[in-house]
Amino acid sequence: MLAFFKSLASNMQKMTFLYQAAGTYIQNAYNTMYYNEQQVVEWVIGQIGGNE
């Protein structure tokens, strides 16, 4: 019975770690996407401004 609980605790730690890692990855991906979008907008504005 004790081995079962140790295994369960170990698996819970792994799941928590994976969940945190996935959350961090999603946050970074979102931030990168938003940052790139801002860069594109600035580039387009720069292109329009340069053509005037």
PDB file of N, CA and C in Angstrom:
ATOM      1  N   MET A   1       0.835  -1.204   0.000  1.00  0.00           N
ATOM      2  CA  MET A   1       0.000   0.000   0.000  1.00  0.00           C
ATOM      3  C   MET A   1       0.873   1.258   0.000  1.00  0.00           C
ATOM      4  N   LEU A   2       1.956   1.235   0.788  1.00  0.00           N
ATOM      5  CA  LEU A   2       2.850   2.383   0.852  1.00  0.00           C
ATOM      6  C   LEU A   2       3.501   2.638  -0.514  1.00  0.00           C
ATOM      7  N   ALA A   3       3.876   1.566  -1.197  1.00  0.00           N
ATOM      8  CA  ALA A   3       4.489   1.704  -2.519  1.00  0.00           C
ATOM      9  C   ALA A   3       3.513   2.367  -3.489  1.00  0.00           C
ATOM     10  N   PHE A   4       2.240   2.021  -3.368  1.00  0.00           N
ATOM     11  CA  PHE A   4       1.218   2.624  -4.224  1.00  0.00           C
ATOM     12  C   PHE A   4       1.158   4.142  -4.017  1.00  0.00           C
ATOM     13  N   PHE A   5       1.181   4.567  -2.755  1.00  0.00           N
ATOM     14  CA  PHE A   5       1.107   5.996  -2.471  1.00  0.00           C
ATOM     15  C   PHE A   5       2.372   6.727  -2.906  1.00  0.00           C
ATOM     16  N   LYS A   6       3.522   6.056  -2.765  1.00  0.00           N
ATOM     17  CA  LYS A   6       4.772   6.672  -3.233  1.00  0.00           C
ATOM     18  C   LYS A   6       4.730   6.848  -4.745  1.00  0.00           C
ATOM     19  N   SER A   7       4.221   5.816  -5.443  1.00  0.00           N
ATOM     20  CA  SER A   7       4.098   5.889  -6.893  1.00  0.00           C
ATOM     21  C   SER A   7       3.127   6.994  -7.293  1.00  0.00           C
ATOM     22  N   LEU A   8       2.016   7.067  -6.567  1.00  0.00           N
ATOM     23  CA  LEU A   8       1.014   8.093  -6.848  1.00  0.00           C
ATOM     24  C   LEU A   8       1.604   9.481  -6.644  1.00  0.00           C
ATOM     25  N   ALA A   9       2.342   9.674  -5.550  1.00  0.00           N
ATOM     26  CA  ALA A   9       2.959  10.973  -5.265  1.00  0.00           C
ATOM     27  C   ALA A   9       3.962  11.335  -6.354  1.00  0.00           C
ATOM     28  N   SER A  10       4.737  10.358  -6.801  1.00  0.00           N
ATOM     29  CA  SER A  10       5.722  10.599  -7.846  1.00  0.00           C
ATOM     30  C   SER A  10       5.039  11.010  -9.147  1.00  0.00           C
ATOM     31  N   ASN A  11       3.965  10.309  -9.478  1.00  0.00           N
ATOM     32  CA  ASN A  11       3.237  10.639 -10.703  1.00  0.00           C
ATOM     33  C   ASN A  11       2.580  12.010 -10.600  1.00  0.00           C
ATOM     34  N   MET A  12       2.095  12.363  -9.438  1.00  0.00           N
ATOM     35  CA  MET A  12       1.484  13.683  -9.238  1.00  0.00           C
ATOM     36  C   MET A  12       2.524  14.784  -9.439  1.00  0.00           C
ATOM     37  N   GLN A  13       3.741  14.541  -8.936  1.00  0.00           N
ATOM     38  CA  GLN A  13       4.807  15.530  -9.108  1.00  0.00           C
ATOM     39  C   GLN A  13       5.144  15.700 -10.587  1.00  0.00           C
ATOM     40  N   LYS A  14       5.209  14.567 -11.311  1.00  0.00           N
ATOM     41  CA  LYS A  14       5.501  14.633 -12.741  1.00  0.00           C
ATOM     42  C   LYS A  14       4.395  15.382 -13.480  1.00  0.00           C
ATOM     43  N   MET A  15       3.149  15.087 -13.146  1.00  0.00           N
ATOM     44  CA  MET A  15       2.026  15.753 -13.793  1.00  0.00           C
ATOM     45  C   MET A  15       2.054  17.255 -13.517  1.00  0.00           C
ATOM     46  N   THR A  16       2.342  17.610 -12.257  1.00  0.00           N
ATOM     47  CA  THR A  16       2.413  19.032 -11.888  1.00  0.00           C
ATOM     48  C   THR A  16       3.519  19.721 -12.665  1.00  0.00           C
ATOM     49  N   PHE A  17       4.673  19.053 -12.769  1.00  0.00           N
ATOM     50  CA  PHE A  17       5.797  19.624 -13.499  1.00  0.00           C
ATOM     51  C   PHE A  17       5.444  19.820 -14.976  1.00  0.00           C
ATOM     52  N   LEU A  18       4.826  18.805 -15.577  1.00  0.00           N
ATOM     53  CA  LEU A  18       4.446  18.910 -16.985  1.00  0.00           C
ATOM     54  C   LEU A  18       3.412  20.008 -17.192  1.00  0.00           C
ATOM     55  N   TYR A  19       2.472  20.118 -16.257  1.00  0.00           N
ATOM     56  CA  TYR A  19       1.442  21.151 -16.354  1.00  0.00           C
ATOM     57  C   TYR A  19       2.069  22.538 -16.282  1.00  0.00           C
ATOM     58  N   GLN A  20       3.012  22.708 -15.348  1.00  0.00           N
ATOM     59  CA  GLN A  20       3.696  23.996 -15.214  1.00  0.00           C
ATOM     60  C   GLN A  20       4.519  24.299 -16.468  1.00  0.00           C
ATOM     61  N   ALA A  21       5.208  23.272 -16.985  1.00  0.00           N
ATOM     62  CA  ALA A  21       6.030  23.463 -18.178  1.00  0.00           C
ATOM     63  C   ALA A  21       5.154  23.838 -19.371  1.00  0.00           C
ATOM     64  N   ALA A  22       4.009  23.173 -19.506  1.00  0.00           N
ATOM     65  CA  ALA A  22       3.092  23.479 -20.602  1.00  0.00           C
ATOM     66  C   ALA A  22       2.557  24.900 -20.459  1.00  0.00           C
ATOM     67  N   GLY A  23       2.228  25.293 -19.240  1.00  0.00           N
ATOM     68  CA  GLY A  23       1.730  26.643 -18.997  1.00  0.00           C
ATOM     69  C   GLY A  23       2.765  27.690 -19.360  1.00  0.00           C
ATOM     70  N   THR A  24       4.017  27.442 -18.990  1.00  0.00           N
ATOM     71  CA  THR A  24       5.101  28.369 -19.307  1.00  0.00           C
ATOM     72  C   THR A  24       5.300  28.448 -20.820  1.00  0.00           C
ATOM     73  N   TYR A  25       5.253  27.281 -21.498  1.00  0.00           N
ATOM     74  CA  TYR A  25       5.429  27.241 -22.945  1.00  0.00           C
ATOM     75  C   TYR A  25       4.332  28.031 -23.652  1.00  0.00           C
ATOM     76  N   ILE A  26       3.086  27.822 -23.205  1.00  0.00           N
ATOM     77  CA  ILE A  26       1.950  28.530 -23.816  1.00  0.00           C
ATOM     78  C   ILE A  26       2.092  30.036 -23.595  1.00  0.00           C
ATOM     79  N   GLN A  27       2.491  30.420 -22.390  1.00  0.00           N
ATOM     80  CA  GLN A  27       2.668  31.845 -22.080  1.00  0.00           C
ATOM     81  C   GLN A  27       3.751  32.455 -22.966  1.00  0.00           C
ATOM     82  N   ASN A  28       4.867  31.740 -23.110  1.00  0.00           N
ATOM     83  CA  ASN A  28       5.962  32.237 -23.953  1.00  0.00           C
ATOM     84  C   ASN A  28       5.529  32.327 -25.407  1.00  0.00           C
ATOM     85  N   ALA A  29       4.804  31.313 -25.879  1.00  0.00           N
ATOM     86  CA  ALA A  29       4.331  31.317 -27.262  1.00  0.00           C
ATOM     87  C   ALA A  29       3.392  32.495 -27.493  1.00  0.00           C
ATOM     88  N   TYR A  30       2.505  32.741 -26.523  1.00  0.00           N
ATOM     89  CA  TYR A  30       1.568  33.854 -26.658  1.00  0.00           C
ATOM     90  C   TYR A  30       2.319  35.182 -26.670  1.00  0.00           C
ATOM     91  N   ASN A  31       3.282  35.328 -25.765  1.00  0.00           N
ATOM     92  CA  ASN A  31       4.056  36.572 -25.703  1.00  0.00           C
ATOM     93  C   ASN A  31       4.836  36.786 -26.992  1.00  0.00           C
ATOM     94  N   THR A  32       5.417  35.721 -27.527  1.00  0.00           N
ATOM     95  CA  THR A  32       6.183  35.824 -28.767  1.00  0.00           C
ATOM     96  C   THR A  32       5.271  36.211 -29.920  1.00  0.00           C
ATOM     97  N   MET A  33       4.100  35.579 -29.986  1.00  0.00           N
ATOM     98  CA  MET A  33       3.136  35.875 -31.042  1.00  0.00           C
ATOM     99  C   MET A  33       2.707  37.346 -30.964  1.00  0.00           C
ATOM    100  N   TYR A  34       2.409  37.816 -29.758  1.00  0.00           N
ATOM    101  CA  TYR A  34       1.976  39.200 -29.574  1.00  0.00           C
ATOM    102  C   TYR A  34       3.103  40.157 -29.958  1.00  0.00           C
ATOM    103  N   TYR A  35       4.325  39.818 -29.532  1.00  0.00           N
ATOM    104  CA  TYR A  35       5.477  40.676 -29.830  1.00  0.00           C
ATOM    105  C   TYR A  35       5.699  40.761 -31.335  1.00  0.00           C
ATOM    106  N   ASN A  36       5.617  39.609 -32.017  1.00  0.00           N
ATOM    107  CA  ASN A  36       5.813  39.596 -33.459  1.00  0.00           C
ATOM    108  C   ASN A  36       4.725  40.399 -34.160  1.00  0.00           C
ATOM    109  N   GLU A  37       3.495  40.297 -33.638  1.00  0.00           N
ATOM    110  CA  GLU A  37       2.388  41.055 -34.219  1.00  0.00           C
ATOM    111  C   GLU A  37       2.671  42.548 -34.096  1.00  0.00           C
ATOM    112  N   GLN A  38       3.167  42.960 -32.945  1.00  0.00           N
ATOM    113  CA  GLN A  38       3.508  44.371 -32.745  1.00  0.00           C
ATOM    114  C   GLN A  38       4.604  44.802 -33.716  1.00  0.00           C
ATOM    115  N   GLN A  39       5.588  43.918 -33.926  1.00  0.00           N
ATOM    116  CA  GLN A  39       6.670  44.248 -34.860  1.00  0.00           C
ATOM    117  C   GLN A  39       6.138  44.417 -36.268  1.00  0.00           C
ATOM    118  N   VAL A  40       5.230  43.535 -36.672  1.00  0.00           N
ATOM    119  CA  VAL A  40       4.654  43.613 -38.019  1.00  0.00           C
ATOM    120  C   VAL A  40       3.886  44.916 -38.188  1.00  0.00           C
ATOM    121  N   VAL A  41       3.089  45.258 -37.174  1.00  0.00           N
ATOM    122  CA  VAL A  41       2.320  46.509 -37.235  1.00  0.00           C
ATOM    123  C   VAL A  41       3.260  47.711 -37.377  1.00  0.00           C
ATOM    124  N   GLU A  42       4.317  47.725 -36.581  1.00  0.00           N
ATOM    125  CA  GLU A  42       5.276  48.832 -36.655  1.00  0.00           C
ATOM    126  C   GLU A  42       5.967  48.875 -38.017  1.00  0.00           C
ATOM    127  N   TRP A  43       6.280  47.695 -38.558  1.00  0.00           N
ATOM    128  CA  TRP A  43       6.937  47.628 -39.863  1.00  0.00           C
ATOM    129  C   TRP A  43       6.020  48.171 -40.940  1.00  0.00           C
ATOM    130  N   VAL A  44       4.745  47.781 -40.908  1.00  0.00           N
ATOM    131  CA  VAL A  44       3.764  48.231 -41.900  1.00  0.00           C
ATOM    132  C   VAL A  44       3.607  49.756 -41.811  1.00  0.00           C
ATOM    133  N   ILE A  45       3.489  50.270 -40.584  1.00  0.00           N
ATOM    134  CA  ILE A  45       3.365  51.720 -40.400  1.00  0.00           C
ATOM    135  C   ILE A  45       4.612  52.411 -40.940  1.00  0.00           C
ATOM    136  N   GLY A  46       5.772  51.793 -40.692  1.00  0.00           N
ATOM    137  CA  GLY A  46       7.018  52.359 -41.205  1.00  0.00           C
ATOM    138  C   GLY A  46       7.047  52.367 -42.719  1.00  0.00           C
ATOM    139  N   GLN A  47       6.542  51.303 -43.343  1.00  0.00           N
ATOM    140  CA  GLN A  47       6.501  51.218 -44.794  1.00  0.00           C
ATOM    141  C   GLN A  47       5.561  52.286 -45.364  1.00  0.00           C
ATOM    142  N   ILE A  48       4.411  52.437 -44.745  1.00  0.00           N
ATOM    143  CA  ILE A  48       3.443  53.438 -45.213  1.00  0.00           C
ATOM    144  C   ILE A  48       4.036  54.828 -45.046  1.00  0.00           C
ATOM    145  N   GLY A  49       4.661  55.062 -43.893  1.00  0.00           N
ATOM    146  CA  GLY A  49       5.273  56.366 -43.638  1.00  0.00           C
ATOM    147  C   GLY A  49       6.417  56.643 -44.592  1.00  0.00           C
ATOM    148  N   GLY A  50       7.166  55.600 -44.959  1.00  0.00           N
ATOM    149  CA  GLY A  50       8.303  55.764 -45.868  1.00  0.00           C
ATOM    150  C   GLY A  50       7.862  56.060 -47.293  1.00  0.00           C
ATOM    151  N   ASN A  51       6.662  55.616 -47.656  1.00  0.00           N
ATOM    152  CA  ASN A  51       6.181  55.810 -49.019  1.00  0.00           C
ATOM    153  C   ASN A  51       5.561  57.186 -49.220  1.00  0.00           C
ATOM    154  N   GLU A  52       5.246  57.844 -48.137  1.00  0.00           N
ATOM    155  CA  GLU A  52       4.614  59.156 -48.267  1.00  0.00           C
ATOM    156  C   GLU A  52       5.630  60.203 -48.685  1.00  0.00           C
TER     157      GLU A  52
END
